[in-house]
Amino acid sequence: MNSPALLNRLLAAWRERALVLKAASFAAVGVVNSLIDFGVFWVAVQHFGAPLVPANVLSWLVAVSNSYVLNSFITFARESNRELRWRTYATFLGSGLAGLIVNTTVLVVAVGLMPRLIADPVLQLAAAKACAIMVSFLVNFSLSYFVVFRRKKV
């Protein structure tokens, strides 16, 4: 998609306010999925001793699957007709890989920076994971809105 077309879509969406409402809904679903992501990650690392990156990938996979279901039925209900489709799920997972890459990169960088900001190692890890979730939200919403669940032209 070229830049002028993307800009036109953003402006049209803003005029309709659909973008703001969808972002709010996506964020609400994201809160649930962030709790799932964080919970699975925390259990994998703290209770099973999993390394950071595999634990992050596992927690992401569980959360992104739940995210697809909730966003199909809530945020993008009109676009998806409230139907779950393997092809759309695969596209959602594919676009989510960009979010996973951003999430993992921010996590690894933040883990390295946190000792300068926070003394407690447990809080360092929690803060790093929270930063990773927040940054990847922007990538995930943009790709969901503009790629995965975009309205089909009639």
N, C-alpha and C. Protein backbone atom coordinates (compact mmCIF):
# COMPACT_ATOMS: atom_id res chain seq x y z
N MET A 1 0.86 -1.17 0.00
CA MET A 1 0.00 0.00 0.00
C MET A 1 0.91 1.23 0.00
N ASN A 2 0.63 2.20 -0.89
CA ASN A 2 1.49 3.38 -0.97
C ASN A 2 1.10 4.40 0.09
N SER A 3 2.00 5.35 0.33
CA SER A 3 1.82 6.33 1.41
C SER A 3 0.59 7.21 1.23
N PRO A 4 0.33 7.78 0.03
CA PRO A 4 -0.88 8.60 -0.10
C PRO A 4 -2.17 7.82 0.18
N ALA A 5 -2.24 6.58 -0.26
CA ALA A 5 -3.43 5.76 -0.02
C ALA A 5 -3.60 5.49 1.49
N LEU A 6 -2.50 5.20 2.15
CA LEU A 6 -2.54 4.96 3.60
C LEU A 6 -2.98 6.23 4.33
N LEU A 7 -2.44 7.37 3.94
CA LEU A 7 -2.82 8.64 4.56
C LEU A 7 -4.30 8.93 4.34
N ASN A 8 -4.80 8.67 3.14
CA ASN A 8 -6.22 8.88 2.86
C ASN A 8 -7.09 7.98 3.74
N ARG A 9 -6.68 6.73 3.93
CA ARG A 9 -7.44 5.81 4.80
C ARG A 9 -7.44 6.30 6.24
N LEU A 10 -6.27 6.78 6.71
CA LEU A 10 -6.19 7.29 8.08
C LEU A 10 -7.11 8.50 8.26
N LEU A 11 -7.10 9.41 7.31
CA LEU A 11 -7.94 10.60 7.41
C LEU A 11 -9.42 10.24 7.36
N ALA A 12 -9.79 9.33 6.47
CA ALA A 12 -11.19 8.90 6.39
C ALA A 12 -11.63 8.22 7.68
N ALA A 13 -10.78 7.38 8.22
CA ALA A 13 -11.11 6.68 9.47
C ALA A 13 -11.25 7.68 10.62
N TRP A 14 -10.39 8.68 10.65
CA TRP A 14 -10.48 9.68 11.70
C TRP A 14 -11.80 10.45 11.61
N ARG A 15 -12.19 10.80 10.39
CA ARG A 15 -13.45 11.51 10.21
C ARG A 15 -14.63 10.68 10.68
N GLU A 16 -14.57 9.40 10.48
CA GLU A 16 -15.65 8.51 10.92
C GLU A 16 -15.54 8.16 12.39
N ARG A 17 -14.44 8.47 13.01
CA ARG A 17 -14.15 8.15 14.40
C ARG A 17 -14.05 6.64 14.64
N ALA A 18 -14.15 5.87 13.58
CA ALA A 18 -14.06 4.42 13.73
C ALA A 18 -12.70 4.00 14.27
N LEU A 19 -11.68 4.69 13.84
CA LEU A 19 -10.33 4.34 14.27
C LEU A 19 -10.19 4.48 15.79
N VAL A 20 -10.71 5.55 16.35
CA VAL A 20 -10.60 5.78 17.80
C VAL A 20 -11.37 4.72 18.57
N LEU A 21 -12.58 4.41 18.13
CA LEU A 21 -13.38 3.40 18.82
C LEU A 21 -12.75 2.02 18.70
N LYS A 22 -12.25 1.70 17.53
CA LYS A 22 -11.61 0.40 17.36
C LYS A 22 -10.32 0.32 18.18
N ALA A 23 -9.57 1.41 18.24
CA ALA A 23 -8.35 1.41 19.04
C ALA A 23 -8.68 1.20 20.52
N ALA A 24 -9.76 1.83 20.99
CA ALA A 24 -10.16 1.65 22.39
C ALA A 24 -10.59 0.21 22.66
N SER A 25 -11.35 -0.36 21.75
CA SER A 25 -11.78 -1.74 21.89
C SER A 25 -10.58 -2.68 21.82
N PHE A 26 -9.68 -2.42 20.86
CA PHE A 26 -8.48 -3.23 20.71
C PHE A 26 -7.64 -3.15 21.98
N ALA A 27 -7.57 -1.96 22.57
CA ALA A 27 -6.81 -1.78 23.81
C ALA A 27 -7.44 -2.57 24.96
N ALA A 28 -8.77 -2.57 25.04
CA ALA A 28 -9.45 -3.33 26.09
C ALA A 28 -9.18 -4.83 25.94
N VAL A 29 -9.29 -5.32 24.72
CA VAL A 29 -8.96 -6.72 24.45
C VAL A 29 -7.47 -6.94 24.76
N GLY A 30 -6.67 -5.94 24.43
CA GLY A 30 -5.23 -6.02 24.68
C GLY A 30 -4.89 -6.13 26.15
N VAL A 31 -5.67 -5.49 27.00
CA VAL A 31 -5.43 -5.60 28.44
C VAL A 31 -5.59 -7.05 28.88
N VAL A 32 -6.66 -7.69 28.43
CA VAL A 32 -6.88 -9.10 28.75
C VAL A 32 -5.72 -9.94 28.23
N ASN A 33 -5.35 -9.71 26.98
CA ASN A 33 -4.27 -10.50 26.39
C ASN A 33 -2.91 -10.19 27.00
N SER A 34 -2.73 -8.96 27.44
CA SER A 34 -1.48 -8.62 28.12
C SER A 34 -1.36 -9.38 29.44
N LEU A 35 -2.48 -9.50 30.14
CA LEU A 35 -2.47 -10.27 31.39
C LEU A 35 -2.16 -11.74 31.11
N ILE A 36 -2.74 -12.26 30.04
CA ILE A 36 -2.45 -13.65 29.64
C ILE A 36 -0.98 -13.78 29.25
N ASP A 37 -0.51 -12.86 28.41
CA ASP A 37 0.88 -12.86 27.96
C ASP A 37 1.82 -12.80 29.16
N PHE A 38 1.59 -11.84 30.03
CA PHE A 38 2.43 -11.67 31.21
C PHE A 38 2.37 -12.89 32.11
N GLY A 39 1.17 -13.41 32.33
CA GLY A 39 1.01 -14.57 33.22
C GLY A 39 1.72 -15.81 32.72
N VAL A 40 1.53 -16.12 31.46
CA VAL A 40 2.19 -17.30 30.89
C VAL A 40 3.71 -17.10 30.90
N PHE A 41 4.16 -15.90 30.52
CA PHE A 41 5.59 -15.59 30.53
C PHE A 41 6.17 -15.76 31.94
N TRP A 42 5.49 -15.19 32.91
CA TRP A 42 5.97 -15.22 34.30
C TRP A 42 6.07 -16.65 34.83
N VAL A 43 5.05 -17.43 34.58
CA VAL A 43 5.07 -18.82 35.04
C VAL A 43 6.19 -19.59 34.35
N ALA A 44 6.34 -19.38 33.03
CA ALA A 44 7.38 -20.09 32.29
C ALA A 44 8.78 -19.75 32.81
N VAL A 45 9.03 -18.48 33.09
CA VAL A 45 10.36 -18.05 33.54
C VAL A 45 10.57 -18.35 35.02
N GLN A 46 9.63 -17.93 35.86
CA GLN A 46 9.83 -18.01 37.30
C GLN A 46 9.63 -19.42 37.86
N HIS A 47 8.68 -20.17 37.30
CA HIS A 47 8.37 -21.48 37.88
C HIS A 47 8.98 -22.65 37.11
N PHE A 48 9.22 -22.46 35.82
CA PHE A 48 9.79 -23.55 35.03
C PHE A 48 11.21 -23.26 34.56
N GLY A 49 11.72 -22.05 34.86
CA GLY A 49 13.09 -21.71 34.51
C GLY A 49 13.34 -21.57 33.02
N ALA A 50 12.30 -21.28 32.24
CA ALA A 50 12.47 -21.15 30.79
C ALA A 50 13.32 -19.92 30.47
N PRO A 51 14.14 -19.99 29.44
CA PRO A 51 14.89 -18.81 28.99
C PRO A 51 13.93 -17.72 28.49
N LEU A 52 14.37 -16.47 28.51
CA LEU A 52 13.52 -15.33 28.16
C LEU A 52 12.84 -15.45 26.80
N VAL A 53 13.61 -15.69 25.76
CA VAL A 53 13.03 -15.66 24.41
C VAL A 53 12.02 -16.80 24.19
N PRO A 54 12.33 -18.05 24.52
CA PRO A 54 11.30 -19.09 24.36
C PRO A 54 10.06 -18.83 25.22
N ALA A 55 10.25 -18.34 26.43
CA ALA A 55 9.10 -18.02 27.28
C ALA A 55 8.27 -16.91 26.67
N ASN A 56 8.92 -15.94 26.07
CA ASN A 56 8.23 -14.83 25.43
C ASN A 56 7.45 -15.30 24.20
N VAL A 57 8.03 -16.19 23.43
CA VAL A 57 7.34 -16.72 22.24
C VAL A 57 6.13 -17.54 22.66
N LEU A 58 6.28 -18.38 23.68
CA LEU A 58 5.16 -19.18 24.17
C LEU A 58 4.03 -18.29 24.68
N SER A 59 4.36 -17.31 25.50
CA SER A 59 3.33 -16.44 26.06
C SER A 59 2.65 -15.63 24.97
N TRP A 60 3.42 -15.22 23.97
CA TRP A 60 2.85 -14.49 22.84
C TRP A 60 1.87 -15.37 22.06
N LEU A 61 2.24 -16.61 21.80
CA LEU A 61 1.39 -17.50 21.03
C LEU A 61 0.04 -17.74 21.72
N VAL A 62 0.07 -17.93 23.01
CA VAL A 62 -1.18 -18.12 23.76
C VAL A 62 -2.02 -16.84 23.71
N ALA A 63 -1.38 -15.70 23.96
CA ALA A 63 -2.11 -14.43 23.99
C ALA A 63 -2.62 -14.03 22.60
N VAL A 64 -1.83 -14.24 21.56
CA VAL A 64 -2.26 -13.82 20.22
C VAL A 64 -3.42 -14.69 19.73
N SER A 65 -3.46 -15.93 20.13
CA SER A 65 -4.58 -16.79 19.75
C SER A 65 -5.87 -16.30 20.40
N ASN A 66 -5.79 -15.97 21.67
CA ASN A 66 -6.95 -15.40 22.36
C ASN A 66 -7.32 -14.05 21.75
N SER A 67 -6.33 -13.27 21.41
CA SER A 67 -6.56 -11.96 20.80
C SER A 67 -7.33 -12.09 19.49
N TYR A 68 -6.97 -13.06 18.68
CA TYR A 68 -7.67 -13.26 17.41
C TYR A 68 -9.16 -13.54 17.66
N VAL A 69 -9.44 -14.41 18.59
CA VAL A 69 -10.83 -14.76 18.88
C VAL A 69 -11.60 -13.54 19.38
N LEU A 70 -11.07 -12.86 20.38
CA LEU A 70 -11.77 -11.70 20.95
C LEU A 70 -11.93 -10.57 19.94
N ASN A 71 -10.88 -10.29 19.18
CA ASN A 71 -10.99 -9.21 18.20
C ASN A 71 -11.93 -9.56 17.06
N SER A 72 -12.01 -10.83 16.70
CA SER A 72 -12.96 -11.25 15.66
C SER A 72 -14.40 -11.06 16.10
N PHE A 73 -14.66 -11.28 17.39
CA PHE A 73 -16.03 -11.19 17.90
C PHE A 73 -16.39 -9.81 18.46
N ILE A 74 -15.39 -8.99 18.77
CA ILE A 74 -15.68 -7.70 19.41
C ILE A 74 -15.20 -6.54 18.53
N THR A 75 -13.90 -6.33 18.49
CA THR A 75 -13.34 -5.14 17.84
C THR A 75 -13.64 -5.09 16.35
N PHE A 76 -13.41 -6.19 15.67
CA PHE A 76 -13.58 -6.24 14.22
C PHE A 76 -14.75 -7.16 13.85
N ALA A 77 -15.80 -7.12 14.65
CA ALA A 77 -16.95 -8.00 14.43
C ALA A 77 -17.59 -7.77 13.07
N ARG A 78 -17.73 -6.52 12.68
CA ARG A 78 -18.36 -6.22 11.40
C ARG A 78 -17.49 -6.71 10.23
N GLU A 79 -16.20 -6.49 10.35
CA GLU A 79 -15.29 -6.90 9.27
C GLU A 79 -15.18 -8.42 9.17
N SER A 80 -15.26 -9.12 10.29
CA SER A 80 -15.08 -10.58 10.30
C SER A 80 -16.40 -11.34 10.24
N ASN A 81 -17.52 -10.61 10.32
CA ASN A 81 -18.84 -11.25 10.43
C ASN A 81 -18.90 -12.19 11.63
N ARG A 82 -18.11 -11.91 12.63
CA ARG A 82 -18.03 -12.73 13.84
C ARG A 82 -17.79 -14.21 13.52
N GLU A 83 -16.97 -14.42 12.52
CA GLU A 83 -16.60 -15.79 12.14
C GLU A 83 -15.10 -15.97 12.29
N LEU A 84 -14.72 -17.14 12.78
CA LEU A 84 -13.31 -17.49 12.88
C LEU A 84 -12.93 -18.29 11.64
N ARG A 85 -11.88 -17.85 10.99
CA ARG A 85 -11.42 -18.52 9.77
C ARG A 85 -9.94 -18.82 9.90
N TRP A 86 -9.54 -20.01 9.46
CA TRP A 86 -8.14 -20.39 9.53
C TRP A 86 -7.26 -19.43 8.75
N ARG A 87 -7.73 -19.00 7.59
CA ARG A 87 -6.91 -18.10 6.76
C ARG A 87 -6.71 -16.75 7.46
N THR A 88 -7.78 -16.21 8.04
CA THR A 88 -7.65 -14.94 8.75
C THR A 88 -6.78 -15.11 9.99
N TYR A 89 -6.93 -16.25 10.67
CA TYR A 89 -6.08 -16.53 11.83
C TYR A 89 -4.61 -16.58 11.41
N ALA A 90 -4.33 -17.24 10.30
CA ALA A 90 -2.95 -17.31 9.80
C ALA A 90 -2.43 -15.91 9.46
N THR A 91 -3.27 -15.08 8.85
CA THR A 91 -2.87 -13.70 8.55
C THR A 91 -2.64 -12.93 9.84
N PHE A 92 -3.52 -13.13 10.83
CA PHE A 92 -3.37 -12.48 12.13
C PHE A 92 -2.06 -12.90 12.78
N LEU A 93 -1.76 -14.20 12.75
CA LEU A 93 -0.50 -14.69 13.31
C LEU A 93 0.69 -14.10 12.55
N GLY A 94 0.58 -14.07 11.22
CA GLY A 94 1.66 -13.52 10.40
C GLY A 94 1.93 -12.06 10.71
N SER A 95 0.85 -11.28 10.78
CA SER A 95 1.05 -9.86 11.10
C SER A 95 1.51 -9.71 12.54
N GLY A 96 1.06 -10.62 13.39
CA GLY A 96 1.48 -10.59 14.78
C GLY A 96 2.95 -10.89 14.98
N LEU A 97 3.56 -11.55 14.00
CA LEU A 97 5.00 -11.82 14.09
C LEU A 97 5.80 -10.52 14.16
N ALA A 98 5.33 -9.51 13.44
CA ALA A 98 6.00 -8.20 13.53
C ALA A 98 5.90 -7.68 14.97
N GLY A 99 4.72 -7.83 15.57
CA GLY A 99 4.55 -7.43 16.96
C GLY A 99 5.43 -8.26 17.89
N LEU A 100 5.55 -9.56 17.61
CA LEU A 100 6.40 -10.43 18.43
C LEU A 100 7.86 -10.02 18.32
N ILE A 101 8.30 -9.70 17.12
CA ILE A 101 9.69 -9.28 16.93
C ILE A 101 9.96 -7.98 17.70
N VAL A 102 9.02 -7.03 17.59
CA VAL A 102 9.16 -5.78 18.33
C VAL A 102 9.12 -6.07 19.83
N ASN A 103 8.17 -6.90 20.27
CA ASN A 103 8.02 -7.23 21.68
C ASN A 103 9.29 -7.86 22.22
N THR A 104 9.83 -8.84 21.52
CA THR A 104 11.03 -9.55 21.99
C THR A 104 12.24 -8.63 21.99
N THR A 105 12.36 -7.81 20.95
CA THR A 105 13.49 -6.87 20.88
C THR A 105 13.44 -5.88 22.05
N VAL A 106 12.27 -5.30 22.28
CA VAL A 106 12.13 -4.36 23.40
C VAL A 106 12.39 -5.07 24.72
N LEU A 107 11.89 -6.29 24.88
CA LEU A 107 12.12 -7.05 26.11
C LEU A 107 13.61 -7.23 26.38
N VAL A 108 14.35 -7.69 25.38
CA VAL A 108 15.78 -7.96 25.56
C VAL A 108 16.54 -6.66 25.85
N VAL A 109 16.22 -5.59 25.10
CA VAL A 109 16.88 -4.31 25.33
C VAL A 109 16.53 -3.77 26.72
N ALA A 110 15.25 -3.83 27.07
CA ALA A 110 14.80 -3.30 28.37
C ALA A 110 15.40 -4.08 29.54
N VAL A 111 15.53 -5.40 29.40
CA VAL A 111 16.15 -6.20 30.46
C VAL A 111 17.58 -5.71 30.69
N GLY A 112 18.26 -5.34 29.61
CA GLY A 112 19.63 -4.82 29.75
C GLY A 112 19.68 -3.44 30.38
N LEU A 113 18.64 -2.64 30.16
CA LEU A 113 18.63 -1.27 30.69
C LEU A 113 18.08 -1.16 32.11
N MET A 114 17.22 -2.07 32.50
CA MET A 114 16.52 -1.97 33.78
C MET A 114 17.43 -1.93 35.01
N PRO A 115 18.58 -2.63 35.03
CA PRO A 115 19.42 -2.54 36.23
C PRO A 115 19.86 -1.10 36.54
N ARG A 116 19.91 -0.25 35.53
CA ARG A 116 20.27 1.16 35.74
C ARG A 116 19.11 1.95 36.36
N LEU A 117 17.89 1.44 36.19
CA LEU A 117 16.71 2.16 36.63
C LEU A 117 16.06 1.58 37.88
N ILE A 118 16.12 0.25 38.02
CA ILE A 118 15.41 -0.45 39.10
C ILE A 118 16.38 -1.44 39.74
N ALA A 119 16.42 -1.44 41.07
CA ALA A 119 17.37 -2.32 41.77
C ALA A 119 16.89 -3.77 41.86
N ASP A 120 15.61 -3.98 42.09
CA ASP A 120 15.06 -5.32 42.31
C ASP A 120 14.98 -6.09 40.98
N PRO A 121 15.64 -7.25 40.88
CA PRO A 121 15.62 -8.03 39.63
C PRO A 121 14.22 -8.48 39.21
N VAL A 122 13.35 -8.77 40.16
CA VAL A 122 11.98 -9.18 39.82
C VAL A 122 11.23 -8.02 39.19
N LEU A 123 11.38 -6.83 39.79
CA LEU A 123 10.74 -5.64 39.21
C LEU A 123 11.35 -5.26 37.87
N GLN A 124 12.64 -5.50 37.70
CA GLN A 124 13.30 -5.24 36.42
C GLN A 124 12.64 -6.05 35.31
N LEU A 125 12.45 -7.33 35.57
CA LEU A 125 11.85 -8.22 34.58
C LEU A 125 10.40 -7.83 34.29
N ALA A 126 9.65 -7.52 35.34
CA ALA A 126 8.26 -7.11 35.16
C ALA A 126 8.17 -5.82 34.37
N ALA A 127 9.02 -4.85 34.66
CA ALA A 127 9.00 -3.57 33.95
C ALA A 127 9.42 -3.75 32.49
N ALA A 128 10.40 -4.60 32.26
CA ALA A 128 10.85 -4.85 30.88
C ALA A 128 9.73 -5.49 30.06
N LYS A 129 9.03 -6.45 30.64
CA LYS A 129 7.93 -7.11 29.94
C LYS A 129 6.79 -6.12 29.68
N ALA A 130 6.50 -5.27 30.64
CA ALA A 130 5.45 -4.26 30.46
C ALA A 130 5.81 -3.29 29.33
N CYS A 131 7.06 -2.87 29.26
CA CYS A 131 7.50 -2.00 28.16
C CYS A 131 7.33 -2.70 26.82
N ALA A 132 7.70 -3.96 26.76
CA ALA A 132 7.59 -4.72 25.51
C ALA A 132 6.14 -4.82 25.06
N ILE A 133 5.23 -5.05 25.99
CA ILE A 133 3.81 -5.16 25.66
C ILE A 133 3.28 -3.83 25.13
N MET A 134 3.66 -2.73 25.77
CA MET A 134 3.15 -1.41 25.35
C MET A 134 3.62 -1.04 23.93
N VAL A 135 4.88 -1.25 23.66
CA VAL A 135 5.40 -0.88 22.35
C VAL A 135 4.80 -1.75 21.25
N SER A 136 4.66 -3.03 21.52
CA SER A 136 4.11 -3.92 20.49
C SER A 136 2.62 -3.68 20.24
N PHE A 137 1.91 -3.05 21.19
CA PHE A 137 0.51 -2.70 20.96
C PHE A 137 0.35 -1.85 19.70
N LEU A 138 1.21 -0.87 19.54
CA LEU A 138 1.11 0.02 18.39
C LEU A 138 1.27 -0.74 17.07
N VAL A 139 2.22 -1.63 17.02
CA VAL A 139 2.44 -2.43 15.82
C VAL A 139 1.25 -3.36 15.58
N ASN A 140 0.80 -4.03 16.62
CA ASN A 140 -0.29 -5.00 16.47
C ASN A 140 -1.60 -4.34 16.03
N PHE A 141 -1.95 -3.20 16.64
CA PHE A 141 -3.19 -2.54 16.25
C PHE A 141 -3.11 -2.06 14.81
N SER A 142 -2.03 -1.45 14.44
CA SER A 142 -1.88 -0.93 13.07
C SER A 142 -2.04 -2.05 12.04
N LEU A 143 -1.38 -3.16 12.27
CA LEU A 143 -1.47 -4.27 11.32
C LEU A 143 -2.86 -4.91 11.33
N SER A 144 -3.48 -5.02 12.49
CA SER A 144 -4.83 -5.58 12.53
C SER A 144 -5.82 -4.70 11.80
N TYR A 145 -5.73 -3.40 12.04
CA TYR A 145 -6.68 -2.46 11.43
C TYR A 145 -6.48 -2.34 9.92
N PHE A 146 -5.24 -2.21 9.49
CA PHE A 146 -4.97 -1.92 8.08
C PHE A 146 -4.73 -3.15 7.21
N VAL A 147 -4.45 -4.29 7.83
CA VAL A 147 -4.13 -5.48 7.03
C VAL A 147 -5.11 -6.62 7.28
N VAL A 148 -5.18 -7.09 8.51
CA VAL A 148 -5.92 -8.32 8.80
C VAL A 148 -7.42 -8.14 8.66
N PHE A 149 -7.98 -7.13 9.33
CA PHE A 149 -9.43 -6.95 9.37
C PHE A 149 -9.91 -5.76 8.54
N ARG A 150 -9.15 -5.37 7.53
CA ARG A 150 -9.57 -4.22 6.75
C ARG A 150 -10.90 -4.52 6.05
N ARG A 151 -11.67 -3.46 5.88
CA ARG A 151 -12.97 -3.63 5.22
C ARG A 151 -12.75 -3.98 3.76
N LYS A 152 -13.55 -4.89 3.33
CA LYS A 152 -13.52 -5.29 1.93
C LYS A 152 -14.29 -4.26 1.10
N LYS A 153 -13.73 -3.85 -0.02
CA LYS A 153 -14.44 -2.92 -0.90
C LYS A 153 -15.56 -3.65 -1.59
N VAL A 154 -16.72 -3.00 -1.60
CA VAL A 154 -17.91 -3.63 -2.18
C VAL A 154 -17.99 -3.39 -3.65
